[in-house]
Amino acid sequence: MPKKHYTPEYKRRILDLILAGRRVADVAHEFKLAEQTIYRWMRQAKVDAGQRDGLTTDEKSELARLRREVAELREEKEILKKFAAWSAKEANWNTKKRSGS
């Protein structure tokens, strides 16, 4: 099942309902959310507020961006290695061909 993405504003509104005294189960049922989803948002909000250890939302976002960038750079490196090997092979082939003339 694909992961749904909710806006930070939507998450904040849901968490505000919980902070106002609504039960997690009631809010989850009303907005058709899994209770675990709301609990995860609550944990992340505590991390973001410095009340709990862990990576903040901004740090997670930066980490994901850096991981994508590293994967892209590794792919580019492999392409360049293959091109360098092909280029060296072509240079040797052309040298032998010219010397035999």
PDB file of N, CA and C in Angstrom:
ATOM      1  N   MET A   1       0.842  -1.171   0.000  1.00  0.00           N
ATOM      2  CA  MET A   1       0.000   0.000   0.000  1.00  0.00           C
ATOM      3  C   MET A   1       0.891   1.239   0.000  1.00  0.00           C
ATOM      4  N   PRO A   2       0.669   2.183  -0.908  1.00  0.00           N
ATOM      5  CA  PRO A   2       1.524   3.365  -0.961  1.00  0.00           C
ATOM      6  C   PRO A   2       1.383   4.213   0.307  1.00  0.00           C
ATOM      7  N   LYS A   3       2.484   4.809   0.684  1.00  0.00           N
ATOM      8  CA  LYS A   3       2.504   5.650   1.879  1.00  0.00           C
ATOM      9  C   LYS A   3       1.859   6.993   1.552  1.00  0.00           C
ATOM     10  N   LYS A   4       0.904   7.415   2.381  1.00  0.00           N
ATOM     11  CA  LYS A   4       0.254   8.704   2.167  1.00  0.00           C
ATOM     12  C   LYS A   4       1.121   9.799   2.784  1.00  0.00           C
ATOM     13  N   HIS A   5       1.107  10.948   2.137  1.00  0.00           N
ATOM     14  CA  HIS A   5       1.842  12.091   2.655  1.00  0.00           C
ATOM     15  C   HIS A   5       0.841  13.171   3.054  1.00  0.00           C
ATOM     16  N   TYR A   6       0.949  13.613   4.286  1.00  0.00           N
ATOM     17  CA  TYR A   6       0.073  14.648   4.800  1.00  0.00           C
ATOM     18  C   TYR A   6       0.888  15.923   4.987  1.00  0.00           C
ATOM     19  N   THR A   7       0.257  17.048   4.784  1.00  0.00           N
ATOM     20  CA  THR A   7       0.959  18.322   4.932  1.00  0.00           C
ATOM     21  C   THR A   7       1.267  18.565   6.407  1.00  0.00           C
ATOM     22  N   PRO A   8       2.307  19.334   6.681  1.00  0.00           N
ATOM     23  CA  PRO A   8       2.609  19.666   8.080  1.00  0.00           C
ATOM     24  C   PRO A   8       1.441  20.386   8.764  1.00  0.00           C
ATOM     25  N   GLU A   9       0.707  21.197   8.013  1.00  0.00           N
ATOM     26  CA  GLU A   9      -0.431  21.920   8.589  1.00  0.00           C
ATOM     27  C   GLU A   9      -1.523  20.945   9.032  1.00  0.00           C
ATOM     28  N   TYR A  10      -1.779  19.936   8.204  1.00  0.00           N
ATOM     29  CA  TYR A  10      -2.792  18.928   8.532  1.00  0.00           C
ATOM     30  C   TYR A  10      -2.379  18.175   9.792  1.00  0.00           C
ATOM     31  N   LYS A  11      -1.121  17.756   9.849  1.00  0.00           N
ATOM     32  CA  LYS A  11      -0.626  17.048  11.021  1.00  0.00           C
ATOM     33  C   LYS A  11      -0.762  17.916  12.269  1.00  0.00           C
ATOM     34  N   ARG A  12      -0.414  19.194  12.123  1.00  0.00           N
ATOM     35  CA  ARG A  12      -0.485  20.110  13.262  1.00  0.00           C
ATOM     36  C   ARG A  12      -1.921  20.247  13.765  1.00  0.00           C
ATOM     37  N   ARG A  13      -2.882  20.331  12.836  1.00  0.00           N
ATOM     38  CA  ARG A  13      -4.293  20.455  13.226  1.00  0.00           C
ATOM     39  C   ARG A  13      -4.760  19.211  13.981  1.00  0.00           C
ATOM     40  N   ILE A  14      -4.333  18.042  13.514  1.00  0.00           N
ATOM     41  CA  ILE A  14      -4.695  16.797  14.195  1.00  0.00           C
ATOM     42  C   ILE A  14      -4.095  16.781  15.599  1.00  0.00           C
ATOM     43  N   LEU A  15      -2.819  17.151  15.701  1.00  0.00           N
ATOM     44  CA  LEU A  15      -2.156  17.157  17.008  1.00  0.00           C
ATOM     45  C   LEU A  15      -2.771  18.199  17.940  1.00  0.00           C
ATOM     46  N   ASP A  16      -3.217  19.320  17.391  1.00  0.00           N
ATOM     47  CA  ASP A  16      -3.887  20.332  18.220  1.00  0.00           C
ATOM     48  C   ASP A  16      -5.175  19.777  18.835  1.00  0.00           C
ATOM     49  N   LEU A  17      -5.884  18.943  18.087  1.00  0.00           N
ATOM     50  CA  LEU A  17      -7.090  18.312  18.631  1.00  0.00           C
ATOM     51  C   LEU A  17      -6.738  17.398  19.800  1.00  0.00           C
ATOM     52  N   ILE A  18      -5.650  16.675  19.678  1.00  0.00           N
ATOM     53  CA  ILE A  18      -5.211  15.773  20.754  1.00  0.00           C
ATOM     54  C   ILE A  18      -4.807  16.600  21.977  1.00  0.00           C
ATOM     55  N   LEU A  19      -4.057  17.678  21.732  1.00  0.00           N
ATOM     56  CA  LEU A  19      -3.627  18.532  22.844  1.00  0.00           C
ATOM     57  C   LEU A  19      -4.814  19.225  23.524  1.00  0.00           C
ATOM     58  N   ALA A  20      -5.890  19.412  22.771  1.00  0.00           N
ATOM     59  CA  ALA A  20      -7.085  20.045  23.336  1.00  0.00           C
ATOM     60  C   ALA A  20      -7.899  19.058  24.172  1.00  0.00           C
ATOM     61  N   GLY A  21      -7.443  17.791  24.229  1.00  0.00           N
ATOM     62  CA  GLY A  21      -8.107  16.831  25.096  1.00  0.00           C
ATOM     63  C   GLY A  21      -8.884  15.741  24.377  1.00  0.00           C
ATOM     64  N   ARG A  22      -8.902  15.769  23.055  1.00  0.00           N
ATOM     65  CA  ARG A  22      -9.608  14.708  22.325  1.00  0.00           C
ATOM     66  C   ARG A  22      -8.814  13.410  22.417  1.00  0.00           C
ATOM     67  N   ARG A  23      -9.511  12.289  22.431  1.00  0.00           N
ATOM     68  CA  ARG A  23      -8.858  10.977  22.472  1.00  0.00           C
ATOM     69  C   ARG A  23      -8.302  10.643  21.097  1.00  0.00           C
ATOM     70  N   VAL A  24      -7.149   9.996  21.084  1.00  0.00           N
ATOM     71  CA  VAL A  24      -6.498   9.607  19.832  1.00  0.00           C
ATOM     72  C   VAL A  24      -7.423   8.713  19.013  1.00  0.00           C
ATOM     73  N   ALA A  25      -8.061   7.769  19.654  1.00  0.00           N
ATOM     74  CA  ALA A  25      -8.948   6.834  18.947  1.00  0.00           C
ATOM     75  C   ALA A  25     -10.094   7.574  18.260  1.00  0.00           C
ATOM     76  N   ASP A  26     -10.650   8.565  18.941  1.00  0.00           N
ATOM     77  CA  ASP A  26     -11.770   9.328  18.367  1.00  0.00           C
ATOM     78  C   ASP A  26     -11.319  10.149  17.154  1.00  0.00           C
ATOM     79  N   VAL A  27     -10.190  10.808  17.302  1.00  0.00           N
ATOM     80  CA  VAL A  27      -9.670  11.619  16.197  1.00  0.00           C
ATOM     81  C   VAL A  27      -9.300  10.726  15.018  1.00  0.00           C
ATOM     82  N   ALA A  28      -8.682   9.602  15.307  1.00  0.00           N
ATOM     83  CA  ALA A  28      -8.296   8.669  14.247  1.00  0.00           C
ATOM     84  C   ALA A  28      -9.523   8.194  13.484  1.00  0.00           C
ATOM     85  N   HIS A  29     -10.568   7.846  14.203  1.00  0.00           N
ATOM     86  CA  HIS A  29     -11.796   7.371  13.559  1.00  0.00           C
ATOM     87  C   HIS A  29     -12.434   8.490  12.734  1.00  0.00           C
ATOM     88  N   GLU A  30     -12.511   9.679  13.306  1.00  0.00           N
ATOM     89  CA  GLU A  30     -13.153  10.815  12.631  1.00  0.00           C
ATOM     90  C   GLU A  30     -12.441  11.187  11.325  1.00  0.00           C
ATOM     91  N   PHE A  31     -11.119  11.149  11.326  1.00  0.00           N
ATOM     92  CA  PHE A  31     -10.353  11.570  10.148  1.00  0.00           C
ATOM     93  C   PHE A  31      -9.837  10.389   9.316  1.00  0.00           C
ATOM     94  N   LYS A  32     -10.311   9.174   9.673  1.00  0.00           N
ATOM     95  CA  LYS A  32      -9.934   7.956   8.938  1.00  0.00           C
ATOM     96  C   LYS A  32      -8.412   7.782   8.868  1.00  0.00           C
ATOM     97  N   LEU A  33      -7.805   7.882  10.038  1.00  0.00           N
ATOM     98  CA  LEU A  33      -6.357   7.694  10.182  1.00  0.00           C
ATOM     99  C   LEU A  33      -6.113   6.509  11.105  1.00  0.00           C
ATOM    100  N   ALA A  34      -4.984   5.874  10.931  1.00  0.00           N
ATOM    101  CA  ALA A  34      -4.593   4.829  11.870  1.00  0.00           C
ATOM    102  C   ALA A  34      -4.118   5.504  13.163  1.00  0.00           C
ATOM    103  N   GLU A  35      -4.489   4.922  14.282  1.00  0.00           N
ATOM    104  CA  GLU A  35      -4.056   5.488  15.565  1.00  0.00           C
ATOM    105  C   GLU A  35      -2.533   5.559  15.613  1.00  0.00           C
ATOM    106  N   GLN A  36      -1.872   4.522  15.095  1.00  0.00           N
ATOM    107  CA  GLN A  36      -0.407   4.481  15.108  1.00  0.00           C
ATOM    108  C   GLN A  36       0.185   5.679  14.362  1.00  0.00           C
ATOM    109  N   THR A  37      -0.492   6.118  13.313  1.00  0.00           N
ATOM    110  CA  THR A  37      -0.027   7.280  12.554  1.00  0.00           C
ATOM    111  C   THR A  37      -0.017   8.516  13.445  1.00  0.00           C
ATOM    112  N   ILE A  38      -1.087   8.703  14.186  1.00  0.00           N
ATOM    113  CA  ILE A  38      -1.168   9.871  15.074  1.00  0.00           C
ATOM    114  C   ILE A  38      -0.121   9.777  16.181  1.00  0.00           C
ATOM    115  N   TYR A  39       0.054   8.585  16.737  1.00  0.00           N
ATOM    116  CA  TYR A  39       1.089   8.417  17.772  1.00  0.00           C
ATOM    117  C   TYR A  39       2.480   8.721  17.201  1.00  0.00           C
ATOM    118  N   ARG A  40       2.730   8.319  15.960  1.00  0.00           N
ATOM    119  CA  ARG A  40       4.022   8.606  15.326  1.00  0.00           C
ATOM    120  C   ARG A  40       4.201  10.120  15.149  1.00  0.00           C
ATOM    121  N   TRP A  41       3.139  10.796  14.741  1.00  0.00           N
ATOM    122  CA  TRP A  41       3.205  12.253  14.603  1.00  0.00           C
ATOM    123  C   TRP A  41       3.462  12.912  15.958  1.00  0.00           C
ATOM    124  N   MET A  42       2.855  12.372  17.015  1.00  0.00           N
ATOM    125  CA  MET A  42       3.064  12.924  18.356  1.00  0.00           C
ATOM    126  C   MET A  42       4.518  12.758  18.786  1.00  0.00           C
ATOM    127  N   ARG A  43       5.090  11.562  18.533  1.00  0.00           N
ATOM    128  CA  ARG A  43       6.498  11.338  18.882  1.00  0.00           C
ATOM    129  C   ARG A  43       7.400  12.295  18.116  1.00  0.00           C
ATOM    130  N   GLN A  44       7.133  12.458  16.808  1.00  0.00           N
ATOM    131  CA  GLN A  44       7.964  13.340  15.996  1.00  0.00           C
ATOM    132  C   GLN A  44       7.837  14.794  16.448  1.00  0.00           C
ATOM    133  N   ALA A  45       6.648  15.200  16.851  1.00  0.00           N
ATOM    134  CA  ALA A  45       6.449  16.567  17.345  1.00  0.00           C
ATOM    135  C   ALA A  45       7.268  16.804  18.615  1.00  0.00           C
ATOM    136  N   LYS A  46       7.362  15.781  19.471  1.00  0.00           N
ATOM    137  CA  LYS A  46       8.175  15.903  20.685  1.00  0.00           C
ATOM    138  C   LYS A  46       9.662  15.994  20.332  1.00  0.00           C
ATOM    139  N   VAL A  47      10.100  15.252  19.341  1.00  0.00           N
ATOM    140  CA  VAL A  47      11.499  15.331  18.897  1.00  0.00           C
ATOM    141  C   VAL A  47      11.772  16.727  18.353  1.00  0.00           C
ATOM    142  N   ASP A  48      10.861  17.220  17.505  1.00  0.00           N
ATOM    143  CA  ASP A  48      11.037  18.549  16.915  1.00  0.00           C
ATOM    144  C   ASP A  48      11.058  19.652  17.966  1.00  0.00           C
ATOM    145  N   ALA A  49      10.323  19.444  19.053  1.00  0.00           N
ATOM    146  CA  ALA A  49      10.267  20.433  20.131  1.00  0.00           C
ATOM    147  C   ALA A  49      11.422  20.276  21.118  1.00  0.00           C
ATOM    148  N   GLY A  50      12.270  19.254  20.925  1.00  0.00           N
ATOM    149  CA  GLY A  50      13.400  19.039  21.820  1.00  0.00           C
ATOM    150  C   GLY A  50      13.030  18.318  23.104  1.00  0.00           C
ATOM    151  N   GLN A  51      11.840  17.747  23.161  1.00  0.00           N
ATOM    152  CA  GLN A  51      11.383  17.052  24.359  1.00  0.00           C
ATOM    153  C   GLN A  51      11.738  15.569  24.336  1.00  0.00           C
ATOM    154  N   ARG A  52      12.289  15.109  23.220  1.00  0.00           N
ATOM    155  CA  ARG A  52      12.611  13.689  23.059  1.00  0.00           C
ATOM    156  C   ARG A  52      13.812  13.577  22.137  1.00  0.00           C
ATOM    157  N   ASP A  53      14.648  12.574  22.386  1.00  0.00           N
ATOM    158  CA  ASP A  53      15.815  12.359  21.529  1.00  0.00           C
ATOM    159  C   ASP A  53      15.393  11.796  20.184  1.00  0.00           C
ATOM    160  N   GLY A  54      16.174  12.149  19.167  1.00  0.00           N
ATOM    161  CA  GLY A  54      15.925  11.629  17.823  1.00  0.00           C
ATOM    162  C   GLY A  54      16.208  12.694  16.784  1.00  0.00           C
ATOM    163  N   LEU A  55      16.047  12.317  15.533  1.00  0.00           N
ATOM    164  CA  LEU A  55      16.263  13.253  14.430  1.00  0.00           C
ATOM    165  C   LEU A  55      15.019  14.106  14.234  1.00  0.00           C
ATOM    166  N   THR A  56      15.216  15.413  14.115  1.00  0.00           N
ATOM    167  CA  THR A  56      14.094  16.296  13.853  1.00  0.00           C
ATOM    168  C   THR A  56      13.616  16.102  12.419  1.00  0.00           C
ATOM    169  N   THR A  57      12.473  16.659  12.112  1.00  0.00           N
ATOM    170  CA  THR A  57      11.920  16.567  10.764  1.00  0.00           C
ATOM    171  C   THR A  57      12.890  17.172   9.754  1.00  0.00           C
ATOM    172  N   ASP A  58      13.482  18.316  10.100  1.00  0.00           N
ATOM    173  CA  ASP A  58      14.448  18.959   9.201  1.00  0.00           C
ATOM    174  C   ASP A  58      15.684  18.086   9.003  1.00  0.00           C
ATOM    175  N   GLU A  59      16.150  17.470  10.074  1.00  0.00           N
ATOM    176  CA  GLU A  59      17.323  16.591   9.964  1.00  0.00           C
ATOM    177  C   GLU A  59      17.009  15.365   9.116  1.00  0.00           C
ATOM    178  N   LYS A  60      15.812  14.807   9.278  1.00  0.00           N
ATOM    179  CA  LYS A  60      15.413  13.658   8.456  1.00  0.00           C
ATOM    180  C   LYS A  60      15.346  14.039   6.984  1.00  0.00           C
ATOM    181  N   SER A  61      14.817  15.212   6.720  1.00  0.00           N
ATOM    182  CA  SER A  61      14.711  15.694   5.348  1.00  0.00           C
ATOM    183  C   SER A  61      16.098  15.889   4.734  1.00  0.00           C
ATOM    184  N   GLU A  62      16.995  16.491   5.499  1.00  0.00           N
ATOM    185  CA  GLU A  62      18.366  16.705   5.033  1.00  0.00           C
ATOM    186  C   GLU A  62      19.081  15.375   4.813  1.00  0.00           C
ATOM    187  N   LEU A  63      18.887  14.433   5.713  1.00  0.00           N
ATOM    188  CA  LEU A  63      19.500  13.114   5.581  1.00  0.00           C
ATOM    189  C   LEU A  63      19.005  12.407   4.319  1.00  0.00           C
ATOM    190  N   ALA A  64      17.714  12.478   4.053  1.00  0.00           N
ATOM    191  CA  ALA A  64      17.152  11.853   2.848  1.00  0.00           C
ATOM    192  C   ALA A  64      17.726  12.512   1.595  1.00  0.00           C
ATOM    193  N   ARG A  65      17.841  13.849   1.613  1.00  0.00           N
ATOM    194  CA  ARG A  65      18.406  14.570   0.470  1.00  0.00           C
ATOM    195  C   ARG A  65      19.853  14.156   0.234  1.00  0.00           C
ATOM    196  N   LEU A  66      20.617  14.065   1.301  1.00  0.00           N
ATOM    197  CA  LEU A  66      22.019  13.677   1.179  1.00  0.00           C
ATOM    198  C   LEU A  66      22.167  12.233   0.697  1.00  0.00           C
ATOM    199  N   ARG A  67      21.300  11.355   1.153  1.00  0.00           N
ATOM    200  CA  ARG A  67      21.357   9.962   0.695  1.00  0.00           C
ATOM    201  C   ARG A  67      21.050   9.870  -0.802  1.00  0.00           C
ATOM    202  N   ARG A  68      20.065  10.650  -1.265  1.00  0.00           N
ATOM    203  CA  ARG A  68      19.763  10.672  -2.705  1.00  0.00           C
ATOM    204  C   ARG A  68      20.960  11.197  -3.490  1.00  0.00           C
ATOM    205  N   GLU A  69      21.581  12.254  -2.962  1.00  0.00           N
ATOM    206  CA  GLU A  69      22.740  12.844  -3.625  1.00  0.00           C
ATOM    207  C   GLU A  69      23.908  11.858  -3.684  1.00  0.00           C
ATOM    208  N   VAL A  70      24.163  11.141  -2.606  1.00  0.00           N
ATOM    209  CA  VAL A  70      25.233  10.145  -2.580  1.00  0.00           C
ATOM    210  C   VAL A  70      24.952   9.042  -3.597  1.00  0.00           C
ATOM    211  N   ALA A  71      23.702   8.584  -3.660  1.00  0.00           N
ATOM    212  CA  ALA A  71      23.349   7.541  -4.627  1.00  0.00           C
ATOM    213  C   ALA A  71      23.581   8.034  -6.059  1.00  0.00           C
ATOM    214  N   GLU A  72      23.207   9.274  -6.319  1.00  0.00           N
ATOM    215  CA  GLU A  72      23.410   9.853  -7.650  1.00  0.00           C
ATOM    216  C   GLU A  72      24.905   9.968  -7.972  1.00  0.00           C
ATOM    217  N   LEU A  73      25.687  10.410  -7.013  1.00  0.00           N
ATOM    218  CA  LEU A  73      27.128  10.541  -7.231  1.00  0.00           C
ATOM    219  C   LEU A  73      27.783   9.184  -7.451  1.00  0.00           C
ATOM    220  N   ARG A  74      27.340   8.171  -6.727  1.00  0.00           N
ATOM    221  CA  ARG A  74      27.879   6.816  -6.927  1.00  0.00           C
ATOM    222  C   ARG A  74      27.561   6.312  -8.330  1.00  0.00           C
ATOM    223  N   GLU A  75      26.347   6.584  -8.781  1.00  0.00           N
ATOM    224  CA  GLU A  75      25.957   6.175 -10.130  1.00  0.00           C
ATOM    225  C   GLU A  75      26.812   6.894 -11.175  1.00  0.00           C
ATOM    226  N   GLU A  76      27.004   8.192 -10.986  1.00  0.00           N
ATOM    227  CA  GLU A  76      27.843   8.964 -11.909  1.00  0.00           C
ATOM    228  C   GLU A  76      29.280   8.441 -11.901  1.00  0.00           C
ATOM    229  N   LYS A  77      29.781   8.082 -10.726  1.00  0.00           N
ATOM    230  CA  LYS A  77      31.138   7.546 -10.608  1.00  0.00           C
ATOM    231  C   LYS A  77      31.268   6.252 -11.398  1.00  0.00           C
ATOM    232  N   GLU A  78      30.279   5.373 -11.286  1.00  0.00           N
ATOM    233  CA  GLU A  78      30.311   4.106 -12.029  1.00  0.00           C
ATOM    234  C   GLU A  78      30.290   4.357 -13.531  1.00  0.00           C
ATOM    235  N   ILE A  79      29.487   5.304 -13.967  1.00  0.00           N
ATOM    236  CA  ILE A  79      29.428   5.642 -15.392  1.00  0.00           C
ATOM    237  C   ILE A  79      30.786   6.154 -15.859  1.00  0.00           C
ATOM    238  N   LEU A  80      31.399   7.014 -15.070  1.00  0.00           N
ATOM    239  CA  LEU A  80      32.711   7.565 -15.435  1.00  0.00           C
ATOM    240  C   LEU A  80      33.789   6.484 -15.450  1.00  0.00           C
ATOM    241  N   LYS A  81      33.721   5.551 -14.501  1.00  0.00           N
ATOM    242  CA  LYS A  81      34.694   4.447 -14.488  1.00  0.00           C
ATOM    243  C   LYS A  81      34.551   3.608 -15.752  1.00  0.00           C
ATOM    244  N   LYS A  82      33.317   3.315 -16.137  1.00  0.00           N
ATOM    245  CA  LYS A  82      33.084   2.525 -17.346  1.00  0.00           C
ATOM    246  C   LYS A  82      33.550   3.284 -18.585  1.00  0.00           C
ATOM    247  N   PHE A  83      33.290   4.583 -18.610  1.00  0.00           N
ATOM    248  CA  PHE A  83      33.734   5.380 -19.750  1.00  0.00           C
ATOM    249  C   PHE A  83      35.256   5.429 -19.812  1.00  0.00           C
ATOM    250  N   ALA A  84      35.904   5.586 -18.662  1.00  0.00           N
ATOM    251  CA  ALA A  84      37.371   5.640 -18.634  1.00  0.00           C
ATOM    252  C   ALA A  84      37.954   4.325 -19.135  1.00  0.00           C
ATOM    253  N   ALA A  85      37.376   3.199 -18.717  1.00  0.00           N
ATOM    254  CA  ALA A  85      37.860   1.898 -19.179  1.00  0.00           C
ATOM    255  C   ALA A  85      37.645   1.750 -20.678  1.00  0.00           C
ATOM    256  N   TRP A  86      36.478   2.135 -21.148  1.00  0.00           N
ATOM    257  CA  TRP A  86      36.183   2.061 -22.582  1.00  0.00           C
ATOM    258  C   TRP A  86      37.123   2.977 -23.360  1.00  0.00           C
ATOM    259  N   SER A  87      37.338   4.182 -22.850  1.00  0.00           N
ATOM    260  CA  SER A  87      38.194   5.159 -23.518  1.00  0.00           C
ATOM    261  C   SER A  87      39.632   4.656 -23.605  1.00  0.00           C
ATOM    262  N   ALA A  88      40.132   4.062 -22.519  1.00  0.00           N
ATOM    263  CA  ALA A  88      41.494   3.522 -22.515  1.00  0.00           C
ATOM    264  C   ALA A  88      41.607   2.370 -23.508  1.00  0.00           C
ATOM    265  N   LYS A  89      40.592   1.538 -23.560  1.00  0.00           N
ATOM    266  CA  LYS A  89      40.582   0.419 -24.495  1.00  0.00           C
ATOM    267  C   LYS A  89      40.582   0.941 -25.933  1.00  0.00           C
ATOM    268  N   GLU A  90      39.785   1.934 -26.210  1.00  0.00           N
ATOM    269  CA  GLU A  90      39.725   2.537 -27.552  1.00  0.00           C
ATOM    270  C   GLU A  90      41.061   3.181 -27.920  1.00  0.00           C
ATOM    271  N   ALA A  91      41.701   3.843 -26.965  1.00  0.00           N
ATOM    272  CA  ALA A  91      42.989   4.490 -27.232  1.00  0.00           C
ATOM    273  C   ALA A  91      44.039   3.435 -27.586  1.00  0.00           C
ATOM    274  N   ASN A  92      44.042   2.325 -26.866  1.00  0.00           N
ATOM    275  CA  ASN A  92      44.987   1.241 -27.160  1.00  0.00           C
ATOM    276  C   ASN A  92      44.679   0.604 -28.512  1.00  0.00           C
ATOM    277  N   TRP A  93      43.446   0.443 -28.834  1.00  0.00           N
ATOM    278  CA  TRP A  93      43.054  -0.156 -30.099  1.00  0.00           C
ATOM    279  C   TRP A  93      43.489   0.739 -31.258  1.00  0.00           C
ATOM    280  N   ASN A  94      43.270   2.043 -31.119  1.00  0.00           N
ATOM    281  CA  ASN A  94      43.653   2.985 -32.184  1.00  0.00           C
ATOM    282  C   ASN A  94      45.181   3.035 -32.338  1.00  0.00           C
ATOM    283  N   THR A  95      45.913   2.942 -31.234  1.00  0.00           N
ATOM    284  CA  THR A  95      47.374   2.975 -31.290  1.00  0.00           C
ATOM    285  C   THR A  95      47.894   1.769 -32.057  1.00  0.00           C
ATOM    286  N   LYS A  96      47.374   0.589 -31.764  1.00  0.00           N
ATOM    287  CA  LYS A  96      47.824  -0.627 -32.448  1.00  0.00           C
ATOM    288  C   LYS A  96      47.482  -0.564 -33.931  1.00  0.00           C
ATOM    289  N   LYS A  97      46.320  -0.041 -34.224  1.00  0.00           N
ATOM    290  CA  LYS A  97      45.886   0.041 -35.617  1.00  0.00           C
ATOM    291  C   LYS A  97      46.820   0.958 -36.410  1.00  0.00           C
ATOM    292  N   ARG A  98      47.191   2.110 -35.827  1.00  0.00           N
ATOM    293  CA  ARG A  98      48.052   3.064 -36.528  1.00  0.00           C
ATOM    294  C   ARG A  98      49.477   2.529 -36.673  1.00  0.00           C
ATOM    295  N   SER A  99      49.972   1.829 -35.667  1.00  0.00           N
ATOM    296  CA  SER A  99      51.348   1.359 -35.721  1.00  0.00           C
ATOM    297  C   SER A  99      51.511   0.240 -36.754  1.00  0.00           C
ATOM    298  N   GLY A 100      50.465  -0.457 -37.074  1.00  0.00           N
ATOM    299  CA  GLY A 100      50.535  -1.540 -38.034  1.00  0.00           C
ATOM    300  C   GLY A 100      50.502  -1.043 -39.476  1.00  0.00           C
ATOM    301  N   SER A 101      50.280   0.224 -39.741  1.00  0.00           N
ATOM    302  CA  SER A 101      50.169   0.746 -41.094  1.00  0.00           C
ATOM    303  C   SER A 101      51.503   0.900 -41.739  1.00  0.00           C
TER     304      SER A 101
END
